[in-house]
Amino acid sequence: MEYHKTKDIMHVKQTLGHKNIQNTLIYINLEHAIFQTTDDDFIVKVAGTVQDACKLLEVGFEYVTEMDGKRLFRKRK
């Protein structure tokens, strides 16, 4: 589930405490089998201030880009 959420194999390796990446790949293959769809649904939020951006980051949103002076964040559903 962590890999599905982050798509970061090194983060998953560290979280699970694996010394060998091959052990982590077992879980990545399971993730691919469970979530065979490539459709990723996101919740998208816009932050106009630094305080708004901090609040979004604190609840798990990730920064995507900036448009028209506003910062766009997303989080998987």
Protein backbone atom coordinates (compact mmCIF):
# COMPACT_ATOMS: atom_id res chain seq x y z
CA MET A 1 0.00 0.00 0.00
CA GLU A 2 2.88 2.35 0.76
CA TYR A 3 4.32 1.85 -2.72
CA HIS A 4 0.90 2.43 -4.29
CA LYS A 5 0.65 5.68 -2.37
CA THR A 6 4.19 6.99 -2.95
CA LYS A 7 5.55 5.13 -6.01
CA ASP A 8 8.95 5.31 -4.25
CA ILE A 9 10.61 1.90 -4.03
CA MET A 10 13.51 3.17 -1.91
CA HIS A 11 11.08 4.63 0.63
CA VAL A 12 9.27 1.27 0.83
CA LYS A 13 12.60 -0.57 1.18
CA GLN A 14 13.58 1.65 4.09
CA THR A 15 10.13 1.51 5.71
CA LEU A 16 10.09 -2.29 5.62
CA GLY A 17 13.71 -2.50 6.77
CA HIS A 18 14.90 -4.56 3.82
CA LYS A 19 18.62 -4.82 3.20
CA ASN A 20 18.15 -6.23 -0.29
CA ILE A 21 15.99 -4.48 -2.90
CA GLN A 22 14.96 -7.90 -4.25
CA ASN A 23 12.89 -8.44 -1.11
CA THR A 24 11.11 -5.14 -1.68
CA LEU A 25 10.37 -6.06 -5.30
CA ILE A 26 8.13 -8.88 -4.03
CA TYR A 27 5.84 -6.26 -2.52
CA ILE A 28 6.02 -4.08 -5.62
CA ASN A 29 4.90 -7.05 -7.74
CA LEU A 30 2.00 -7.61 -5.33
CA GLU A 31 1.02 -3.98 -5.67
CA HIS A 32 0.99 -4.29 -9.45
CA ALA A 33 -1.18 -7.43 -9.24
CA ILE A 34 -3.66 -5.83 -6.86
CA PHE A 35 -3.88 -2.46 -8.59
CA GLN A 36 -3.78 -3.43 -12.25
CA THR A 37 -5.36 -0.19 -13.33
CA THR A 38 -3.22 2.75 -14.38
CA ASP A 39 -5.95 5.25 -13.56
CA ASP A 40 -4.80 7.30 -10.60
CA ASP A 41 -7.44 9.40 -8.93
CA PHE A 42 -6.26 12.44 -7.01
CA ILE A 43 -7.69 15.07 -4.73
CA VAL A 44 -6.32 18.41 -5.93
CA LYS A 45 -6.01 21.53 -3.77
CA VAL A 46 -4.74 25.05 -4.44
CA ALA A 47 -2.66 27.00 -1.92
CA GLY A 48 -2.48 30.76 -2.16
CA THR A 49 -0.27 31.34 0.86
CA VAL A 50 2.68 29.64 2.50
CA GLN A 51 0.46 28.80 5.47
CA ASP A 52 -2.06 27.07 3.18
CA ALA A 53 0.76 25.10 1.54
CA CYS A 54 2.10 24.00 4.94
CA LYS A 55 -1.34 22.79 6.01
CA LEU A 56 -1.70 20.73 2.83
CA LEU A 57 1.75 19.19 3.23
CA GLU A 58 0.97 18.29 6.84
CA VAL A 59 -2.03 16.22 5.77
CA GLY A 60 -0.20 14.31 3.03
CA PHE A 61 -0.54 16.41 -0.10
CA GLU A 62 2.41 16.63 -2.45
CA TYR A 63 3.49 19.74 -4.34
CA VAL A 64 2.95 19.50 -8.10
CA THR A 65 3.52 22.91 -9.70
CA GLU A 66 2.76 26.61 -9.59
CA MET A 67 0.30 28.38 -11.86
CA ASP A 68 -0.80 32.01 -11.82
CA GLY A 69 1.00 32.55 -8.51
CA LYS A 70 -0.86 29.67 -6.82
CA ARG A 71 0.67 26.36 -5.75
CA LEU A 72 -1.07 23.14 -6.81
CA PHE A 73 -0.99 20.06 -4.58
CA ARG A 74 -2.36 16.56 -4.97
CA LYS A 75 -3.02 13.47 -2.87
CA ARG A 76 -4.15 10.05 -3.98
CA LYS A 77 -7.76 9.20 -3.15
